[in-house]
Amino acid sequence: MASNLKLRTPQEAADKLGVSLRRVHQFLAEGRLGQRVGGVYVITDDDLRDFSRQPRHPGRPADKRAG
């Protein structure tokens, strides 16, 4: 039985999302994008679609130490 599941590389994900490869690696490490299977990350088109629907806030996050 053949599968139509298309896996994407981090570079392909970066291109589709319009972000840097480094940022995709951050999303992967944070668990916000894709899944880790064994020692590799797996990114599907569904992962990209779901991720792109999440609101993103541009710019640096606020300094948590300030307060």
C-alpha atoms as a PDB file:
ATOM      1  CA  MET A   1       0.000   0.000   0.000  1.00  0.00           C
ATOM      2  CA  ALA A   2       1.568   3.281  -1.100  1.00  0.00           C
ATOM      3  CA  SER A   3       1.374   6.363   1.074  1.00  0.00           C
ATOM      4  CA  ASN A   4       0.827   9.899  -0.199  1.00  0.00           C
ATOM      5  CA  LEU A   5       2.520  11.360   2.877  1.00  0.00           C
ATOM      6  CA  LYS A   6       5.013  14.027   1.805  1.00  0.00           C
ATOM      7  CA  LEU A   7       7.794  14.788   4.263  1.00  0.00           C
ATOM      8  CA  ARG A   8       9.529  18.149   4.139  1.00  0.00           C
ATOM      9  CA  THR A   9      13.084  19.076   5.011  1.00  0.00           C
ATOM     10  CA  PRO A  10      13.680  21.932   7.439  1.00  0.00           C
ATOM     11  CA  GLN A  11      14.876  24.046   4.488  1.00  0.00           C
ATOM     12  CA  GLU A  12      11.654  23.351   2.560  1.00  0.00           C
ATOM     13  CA  ALA A  13       9.659  24.237   5.677  1.00  0.00           C
ATOM     14  CA  ALA A  14      11.604  27.492   6.045  1.00  0.00           C
ATOM     15  CA  ASP A  15      10.922  28.404   2.429  1.00  0.00           C
ATOM     16  CA  LYS A  16       7.206  27.645   2.730  1.00  0.00           C
ATOM     17  CA  LEU A  17       6.848  29.552   6.008  1.00  0.00           C
ATOM     18  CA  GLY A  18       8.982  32.498   4.907  1.00  0.00           C
ATOM     19  CA  VAL A  19      11.379  32.200   7.845  1.00  0.00           C
ATOM     20  CA  SER A  20      15.037  31.297   8.231  1.00  0.00           C
ATOM     21  CA  LEU A  21      16.311  27.758   8.542  1.00  0.00           C
ATOM     22  CA  ARG A  22      17.582  28.633  12.010  1.00  0.00           C
ATOM     23  CA  ARG A  23      14.072  29.710  13.055  1.00  0.00           C
ATOM     24  CA  VAL A  24      12.607  26.415  11.801  1.00  0.00           C
ATOM     25  CA  HIS A  25      15.168  24.579  13.924  1.00  0.00           C
ATOM     26  CA  GLN A  26      14.030  26.646  16.914  1.00  0.00           C
ATOM     27  CA  PHE A  27      10.384  25.773  16.222  1.00  0.00           C
ATOM     28  CA  LEU A  28      11.323  22.095  16.009  1.00  0.00           C
ATOM     29  CA  ALA A  29      13.308  22.177  19.259  1.00  0.00           C
ATOM     30  CA  GLU A  30      10.422  23.946  21.033  1.00  0.00           C
ATOM     31  CA  GLY A  31       7.967  21.309  19.809  1.00  0.00           C
ATOM     32  CA  ARG A  32       5.932  23.892  17.902  1.00  0.00           C
ATOM     33  CA  LEU A  33       6.500  22.307  14.495  1.00  0.00           C
ATOM     34  CA  GLY A  34       6.770  18.712  13.342  1.00  0.00           C
ATOM     35  CA  GLN A  35       7.563  15.656  15.413  1.00  0.00           C
ATOM     36  CA  ARG A  36      10.726  13.964  16.530  1.00  0.00           C
ATOM     37  CA  VAL A  37      10.934  10.345  15.413  1.00  0.00           C
ATOM     38  CA  GLY A  38      14.009   8.601  16.706  1.00  0.00           C
ATOM     39  CA  GLY A  39      16.830  11.068  16.164  1.00  0.00           C
ATOM     40  CA  VAL A  40      15.280  13.037  13.315  1.00  0.00           C
ATOM     41  CA  TYR A  41      12.514  15.596  12.951  1.00  0.00           C
ATOM     42  CA  VAL A  42       9.605  14.840  10.638  1.00  0.00           C
ATOM     43  CA  ILE A  43       7.676  17.711   9.069  1.00  0.00           C
ATOM     44  CA  THR A  44       4.561  17.022   7.006  1.00  0.00           C
ATOM     45  CA  ASP A  45       2.469  19.337   4.862  1.00  0.00           C
ATOM     46  CA  ASP A  46      -0.244  19.065   7.537  1.00  0.00           C
ATOM     47  CA  ASP A  47       2.270  20.280  10.149  1.00  0.00           C
ATOM     48  CA  LEU A  48       3.094  23.280   7.963  1.00  0.00           C
ATOM     49  CA  ARG A  49      -0.573  24.077   7.365  1.00  0.00           C
ATOM     50  CA  ASP A  50      -1.429  23.843  11.069  1.00  0.00           C
ATOM     51  CA  PHE A  51       1.611  25.878  12.074  1.00  0.00           C
ATOM     52  CA  SER A  52       0.891  28.626   9.558  1.00  0.00           C
ATOM     53  CA  ARG A  53      -2.594  29.045  11.048  1.00  0.00           C
ATOM     54  CA  GLN A  54      -1.176  29.826  14.501  1.00  0.00           C
ATOM     55  CA  PRO A  55      -0.822  33.524  15.265  1.00  0.00           C
ATOM     56  CA  ARG A  56       2.784  34.716  15.279  1.00  0.00           C
ATOM     57  CA  HIS A  57       4.011  37.888  16.861  1.00  0.00           C
ATOM     58  CA  PRO A  58       6.928  39.538  15.049  1.00  0.00           C
ATOM     59  CA  GLY A  59       9.917  40.874  16.903  1.00  0.00           C
ATOM     60  CA  ARG A  60      11.848  39.795  19.923  1.00  0.00           C
ATOM     61  CA  PRO A  61      10.024  38.423  22.945  1.00  0.00           C
ATOM     62  CA  ALA A  62       9.869  40.692  25.976  1.00  0.00           C
ATOM     63  CA  ASP A  63      12.720  40.391  28.446  1.00  0.00           C
ATOM     64  CA  LYS A  64      11.372  38.220  31.264  1.00  0.00           C
ATOM     65  CA  ARG A  65      13.877  39.705  33.708  1.00  0.00           C
ATOM     66  CA  ALA A  66      12.408  43.188  33.376  1.00  0.00           C
ATOM     67  CA  GLY A  67       9.664  43.858  35.745  1.00  0.00           C
END
